[in-house]
């Protein structure tokens, strides 16, 4: 992995509190099922009922 790719991962996985090592970045890449997913694809996994709000369910 190049340094730019690792730096792009840091906000999501460390909250910019530290820098990832190349080994940590490789481990995340191969073990995190959400690696590479963008925000839109993550929304697909949220049940629609959660978007209704508490008032609509009463």
PDB file of N, CA and C in Angstrom:
ATOM      1  N   UNK A   1       0.844  -1.172   0.000  1.00  0.00           N
ATOM      2  CA  UNK A   1       0.000   0.000   0.000  1.00  0.00           C
ATOM      3  C   UNK A   1       0.895   1.243   0.000  1.00  0.00           C
ATOM      4  N   UNK A   2       0.472   2.242  -0.745  1.00  0.00           N
ATOM      5  CA  UNK A   2       1.247   3.479  -0.730  1.00  0.00           C
ATOM      6  C   UNK A   2       0.771   4.388   0.413  1.00  0.00           C
ATOM      7  N   UNK A   3       1.576   5.357   0.732  1.00  0.00           N
ATOM      8  CA  UNK A   3       1.315   6.234   1.885  1.00  0.00           C
ATOM      9  C   UNK A   3       0.007   7.015   1.728  1.00  0.00           C
ATOM     10  N   UNK A   4      -0.330   7.418   0.508  1.00  0.00           N
ATOM     11  CA  UNK A   4      -1.577   8.162   0.273  1.00  0.00           C
ATOM     12  C   UNK A   4      -2.797   7.309   0.611  1.00  0.00           C
ATOM     13  N   UNK A   5      -2.773   6.049   0.231  1.00  0.00           N
ATOM     14  CA  UNK A   5      -3.882   5.154   0.524  1.00  0.00           C
ATOM     15  C   UNK A   5      -4.021   4.939   2.032  1.00  0.00           C
ATOM     16  N   UNK A   6      -2.897   4.812   2.712  1.00  0.00           N
ATOM     17  CA  UNK A   6      -2.916   4.635   4.168  1.00  0.00           C
ATOM     18  C   UNK A   6      -3.461   5.900   4.836  1.00  0.00           C
ATOM     19  N   UNK A   7      -3.025   7.075   4.392  1.00  0.00           N
ATOM     20  CA  UNK A   7      -3.513   8.330   4.979  1.00  0.00           C
ATOM     21  C   UNK A   7      -5.004   8.519   4.759  1.00  0.00           C
ATOM     22  N   UNK A   8      -5.534   8.018   3.662  1.00  0.00           N
ATOM     23  CA  UNK A   8      -6.966   8.118   3.410  1.00  0.00           C
ATOM     24  C   UNK A   8      -7.765   7.255   4.382  1.00  0.00           C
ATOM     25  N   UNK A   9      -7.153   6.196   4.893  1.00  0.00           N
ATOM     26  CA  UNK A   9      -7.829   5.299   5.834  1.00  0.00           C
ATOM     27  C   UNK A   9      -7.829   5.858   7.264  1.00  0.00           C
ATOM     28  N   UNK A  10      -6.880   6.698   7.596  1.00  0.00           N
ATOM     29  CA  UNK A  10      -6.682   7.128   8.975  1.00  0.00           C
ATOM     30  C   UNK A  10      -7.884   7.822   9.611  1.00  0.00           C
ATOM     31  N   UNK A  11      -8.596   8.719   8.928  1.00  0.00           N
ATOM     32  CA  UNK A  11      -9.741   9.351   9.598  1.00  0.00           C
ATOM     33  C   UNK A  11     -10.802   8.346  10.039  1.00  0.00           C
ATOM     34  N   UNK A  12     -11.076   7.362   9.213  1.00  0.00           N
ATOM     35  CA  UNK A  12     -12.116   6.384   9.533  1.00  0.00           C
ATOM     36  C   UNK A  12     -11.687   5.432  10.650  1.00  0.00           C
ATOM     37  N   UNK A  13     -10.454   4.991  10.630  1.00  0.00           N
ATOM     38  CA  UNK A  13     -10.021   3.943  11.548  1.00  0.00           C
ATOM     39  C   UNK A  13      -9.297   4.446  12.794  1.00  0.00           C
ATOM     40  N   UNK A  14      -8.794   5.670  12.782  1.00  0.00           N
ATOM     41  CA  UNK A  14      -8.104   6.180  13.973  1.00  0.00           C
ATOM     42  C   UNK A  14      -8.663   7.508  14.446  1.00  0.00           C
ATOM     43  N   UNK A  15      -9.597   8.097  13.700  1.00  0.00           N
ATOM     44  CA  UNK A  15     -10.116   9.401  14.060  1.00  0.00           C
ATOM     45  C   UNK A  15      -9.049  10.480  14.002  1.00  0.00           C
ATOM     46  N   UNK A  16      -8.041  10.245  13.195  1.00  0.00           N
ATOM     47  CA  UNK A  16      -6.904  11.161  13.047  1.00  0.00           C
ATOM     48  C   UNK A  16      -6.145  11.380  14.350  1.00  0.00           C
ATOM     49  N   UNK A  17      -6.223  10.417  15.270  1.00  0.00           N
ATOM     50  CA  UNK A  17      -5.480  10.555  16.519  1.00  0.00           C
ATOM     51  C   UNK A  17      -4.067  10.014  16.394  1.00  0.00           C
ATOM     52  N   UNK A  18      -3.817   9.216  15.362  1.00  0.00           N
ATOM     53  CA  UNK A  18      -2.472   8.697  15.136  1.00  0.00           C
ATOM     54  C   UNK A  18      -2.378   8.219  13.692  1.00  0.00           C
ATOM     55  N   UNK A  19      -1.171   7.864  13.273  1.00  0.00           N
ATOM     56  CA  UNK A  19      -0.954   7.361  11.919  1.00  0.00           C
ATOM     57  C   UNK A  19      -0.941   5.839  11.934  1.00  0.00           C
ATOM     58  N   UNK A  20      -1.529   5.243  10.904  1.00  0.00           N
ATOM     59  CA  UNK A  20      -1.497   3.787  10.753  1.00  0.00           C
ATOM     60  C   UNK A  20      -0.153   3.357  10.191  1.00  0.00           C
ATOM     61  N   UNK A  21       0.311   2.198  10.645  1.00  0.00           N
ATOM     62  CA  UNK A  21       1.490   1.610  10.023  1.00  0.00           C
ATOM     63  C   UNK A  21       1.045   0.865   8.777  1.00  0.00           C
ATOM     64  N   UNK A  22       1.986   0.513   7.940  1.00  0.00           N
ATOM     65  CA  UNK A  22       1.628  -0.233   6.733  1.00  0.00           C
ATOM     66  C   UNK A  22       1.023  -1.586   7.092  1.00  0.00           C
ATOM     67  N   UNK A  23       1.535  -2.226   8.125  1.00  0.00           N
ATOM     68  CA  UNK A  23       0.997  -3.517   8.559  1.00  0.00           C
ATOM     69  C   UNK A  23      -0.429  -3.402   9.065  1.00  0.00           C
ATOM     70  N   UNK A  24      -0.717  -2.359   9.833  1.00  0.00           N
ATOM     71  CA  UNK A  24      -2.076  -2.148  10.328  1.00  0.00           C
ATOM     72  C   UNK A  24      -3.038  -1.891   9.175  1.00  0.00           C
ATOM     73  N   UNK A  25      -2.603  -1.095   8.216  1.00  0.00           N
ATOM     74  CA  UNK A  25      -3.450  -0.790   7.065  1.00  0.00           C
ATOM     75  C   UNK A  25      -3.744  -2.051   6.251  1.00  0.00           C
ATOM     76  N   UNK A  26      -2.744  -2.878   6.054  1.00  0.00           N
ATOM     77  CA  UNK A  26      -2.957  -4.136   5.317  1.00  0.00           C
ATOM     78  C   UNK A  26      -3.928  -5.042   6.061  1.00  0.00           C
ATOM     79  N   UNK A  27      -3.808  -5.116   7.379  1.00  0.00           N
ATOM     80  CA  UNK A  27      -4.709  -5.950   8.177  1.00  0.00           C
ATOM     81  C   UNK A  27      -6.142  -5.449   8.058  1.00  0.00           C
ATOM     82  N   UNK A  28      -6.339  -4.140   8.140  1.00  0.00           N
ATOM     83  CA  UNK A  28      -7.676  -3.574   7.995  1.00  0.00           C
ATOM     84  C   UNK A  28      -8.232  -3.905   6.620  1.00  0.00           C
ATOM     85  N   UNK A  29      -7.412  -3.732   5.608  1.00  0.00           N
ATOM     86  CA  UNK A  29      -7.843  -3.975   4.232  1.00  0.00           C
ATOM     87  C   UNK A  29      -8.333  -5.406   4.037  1.00  0.00           C
ATOM     88  N   UNK A  30      -7.696  -6.356   4.716  1.00  0.00           N
ATOM     89  CA  UNK A  30      -8.038  -7.762   4.509  1.00  0.00           C
ATOM     90  C   UNK A  30      -9.028  -8.320   5.517  1.00  0.00           C
ATOM     91  N   UNK A  31      -9.294  -7.615   6.613  1.00  0.00           N
ATOM     92  CA  UNK A  31     -10.190  -8.175   7.631  1.00  0.00           C
ATOM     93  C   UNK A  31     -11.474  -7.389   7.829  1.00  0.00           C
ATOM     94  N   UNK A  32     -11.515  -6.109   7.451  1.00  0.00           N
ATOM     95  CA  UNK A  32     -12.712  -5.299   7.663  1.00  0.00           C
ATOM     96  C   UNK A  32     -13.662  -5.463   6.489  1.00  0.00           C
ATOM     97  N   UNK A  33     -14.850  -6.018   6.731  1.00  0.00           N
ATOM     98  CA  UNK A  33     -15.787  -6.224   5.620  1.00  0.00           C
ATOM     99  C   UNK A  33     -16.311  -4.918   5.032  1.00  0.00           C
ATOM    100  N   UNK A  34     -16.198  -3.806   5.756  1.00  0.00           N
ATOM    101  CA  UNK A  34     -16.681  -2.532   5.230  1.00  0.00           C
ATOM    102  C   UNK A  34     -15.587  -1.727   4.563  1.00  0.00           C
ATOM    103  N   UNK A  35     -14.360  -2.255   4.519  1.00  0.00           N
ATOM    104  CA  UNK A  35     -13.271  -1.512   3.863  1.00  0.00           C
ATOM    105  C   UNK A  35     -13.622  -1.276   2.405  1.00  0.00           C
ATOM    106  N   UNK A  36     -13.482  -0.050   1.984  1.00  0.00           N
ATOM    107  CA  UNK A  36     -13.762   0.290   0.595  1.00  0.00           C
ATOM    108  C   UNK A  36     -15.196   0.683   0.343  1.00  0.00           C
ATOM    109  N   UNK A  37     -16.080   0.445   1.299  1.00  0.00           N
ATOM    110  CA  UNK A  37     -17.467   0.867   1.134  1.00  0.00           C
ATOM    111  C   UNK A  37     -17.556   2.369   1.322  1.00  0.00           C
ATOM    112  N   UNK A  38     -18.316   3.003   0.487  1.00  0.00           N
ATOM    113  CA  UNK A  38     -18.541   4.431   0.687  1.00  0.00           C
ATOM    114  C   UNK A  38     -19.805   4.627   1.513  1.00  0.00           C
ATOM    115  N   UNK A  39     -20.102   5.841   1.863  1.00  0.00           N
ATOM    116  CA  UNK A  39     -21.237   6.133   2.747  1.00  0.00           C
ATOM    117  C   UNK A  39     -22.557   5.673   2.148  1.00  0.00           C
ATOM    118  N   UNK A  40     -22.729   5.787   0.850  1.00  0.00           N
ATOM    119  CA  UNK A  40     -23.983   5.392   0.231  1.00  0.00           C
ATOM    120  C   UNK A  40     -24.228   3.894   0.367  1.00  0.00           C
ATOM    121  N   UNK A  41     -23.211   3.087   0.174  1.00  0.00           N
ATOM    122  CA  UNK A  41     -23.418   1.648   0.265  1.00  0.00           C
ATOM    123  C   UNK A  41     -23.637   1.218   1.709  1.00  0.00           C
ATOM    124  N   UNK A  42     -23.096   1.961   2.673  1.00  0.00           N
ATOM    125  CA  UNK A  42     -23.337   1.634   4.075  1.00  0.00           C
ATOM    126  C   UNK A  42     -24.790   1.894   4.449  1.00  0.00           C
ATOM    127  N   UNK A  43     -25.416   2.891   3.848  1.00  0.00           N
ATOM    128  CA  UNK A  43     -26.817   3.187   4.134  1.00  0.00           C
ATOM    129  C   UNK A  43     -27.739   2.068   3.674  1.00  0.00           C
ATOM    130  N   UNK A  44     -27.331   1.303   2.705  1.00  0.00           N
ATOM    131  CA  UNK A  44     -28.152   0.197   2.218  1.00  0.00           C
ATOM    132  C   UNK A  44     -28.349  -0.875   3.280  1.00  0.00           C
ATOM    133  N   UNK A  45     -27.441  -0.950   4.255  1.00  0.00           N
ATOM    134  CA  UNK A  45     -27.505  -1.993   5.270  1.00  0.00           C
ATOM    135  C   UNK A  45     -28.303  -1.581   6.504  1.00  0.00           C
ATOM    136  N   UNK A  46     -28.804  -0.349   6.541  1.00  0.00           N
ATOM    137  CA  UNK A  46     -29.594   0.130   7.673  1.00  0.00           C
ATOM    138  C   UNK A  46     -31.064  -0.147   7.371  1.00  0.00           C
ATOM    139  N   UNK A  47     -31.771  -0.813   8.281  1.00  0.00           N
ATOM    140  CA  UNK A  47     -33.194  -1.097   8.036  1.00  0.00           C
ATOM    141  C   UNK A  47     -33.992   0.192   7.851  1.00  0.00           C
ATOM    142  N   UNK A  48     -34.860   0.252   6.878  1.00  0.00           N
ATOM    143  CA  UNK A  48     -35.637   1.470   6.609  1.00  0.00           C
ATOM    144  C   UNK A  48     -36.449   1.963   7.798  1.00  0.00           C
ATOM    145  N   UNK A  49     -36.882   1.064   8.675  1.00  0.00           N
ATOM    146  CA  UNK A  49     -37.689   1.467   9.823  1.00  0.00           C
ATOM    147  C   UNK A  49     -36.919   2.433  10.723  1.00  0.00           C
ATOM    148  N   UNK A  50     -35.607   2.378  10.722  1.00  0.00           N
ATOM    149  CA  UNK A  50     -34.827   3.292  11.549  1.00  0.00           C
ATOM    150  C   UNK A  50     -34.874   4.723  11.034  1.00  0.00           C
ATOM    151  N   UNK A  51     -35.205   4.906   9.787  1.00  0.00           N
ATOM    152  CA  UNK A  51     -35.287   6.242   9.218  1.00  0.00           C
ATOM    153  C   UNK A  51     -36.641   6.908   9.470  1.00  0.00           C
ATOM    154  N   UNK A  52     -37.620   6.145   9.961  1.00  0.00           N
ATOM    155  CA  UNK A  52     -38.961   6.688  10.167  1.00  0.00           C
ATOM    156  C   UNK A  52     -39.041   7.631  11.357  1.00  0.00           C
ATOM    157  N   UNK A  53     -38.291   7.356  12.391  1.00  0.00           N
ATOM    158  CA  UNK A  53     -38.347   8.174  13.597  1.00  0.00           C
ATOM    159  C   UNK A  53     -39.317   7.581  14.606  1.00  0.00           C
ATOM    160  N   UNK A  54     -39.168   7.964  15.859  1.00  0.00           N
ATOM    161  CA  UNK A  54     -39.968   7.393  16.945  1.00  0.00           C
ATOM    162  C   UNK A  54     -41.441   7.773  16.840  1.00  0.00           C
ATOM    163  N   UNK A  55     -41.753   8.975  16.389  1.00  0.00           N
ATOM    164  CA  UNK A  55     -43.151   9.419  16.325  1.00  0.00           C
ATOM    165  C   UNK A  55     -43.969   8.642  15.315  1.00  0.00           C
ATOM    166  N   UNK A  56     -43.368   8.198  14.263  1.00  0.00           N
ATOM    167  CA  UNK A  56     -44.105   7.478  13.205  1.00  0.00           C
ATOM    168  C   UNK A  56     -44.444   6.058  13.627  1.00  0.00           C
ATOM    169  N   UNK A  57     -43.761   5.529  14.631  1.00  0.00           N
ATOM    170  CA  UNK A  57     -44.006   4.155  15.043  1.00  0.00           C
ATOM    171  C   UNK A  57     -45.091   4.045  16.116  1.00  0.00           C
ATOM    172  N   UNK A  58     -45.531   5.145  16.666  1.00  0.00           N
ATOM    173  CA  UNK A  58     -46.530   5.095  17.753  1.00  0.00           C
ATOM    174  C   UNK A  58     -47.932   5.102  17.212  1.00  0.00           C
TER     175      UNK A  58
END
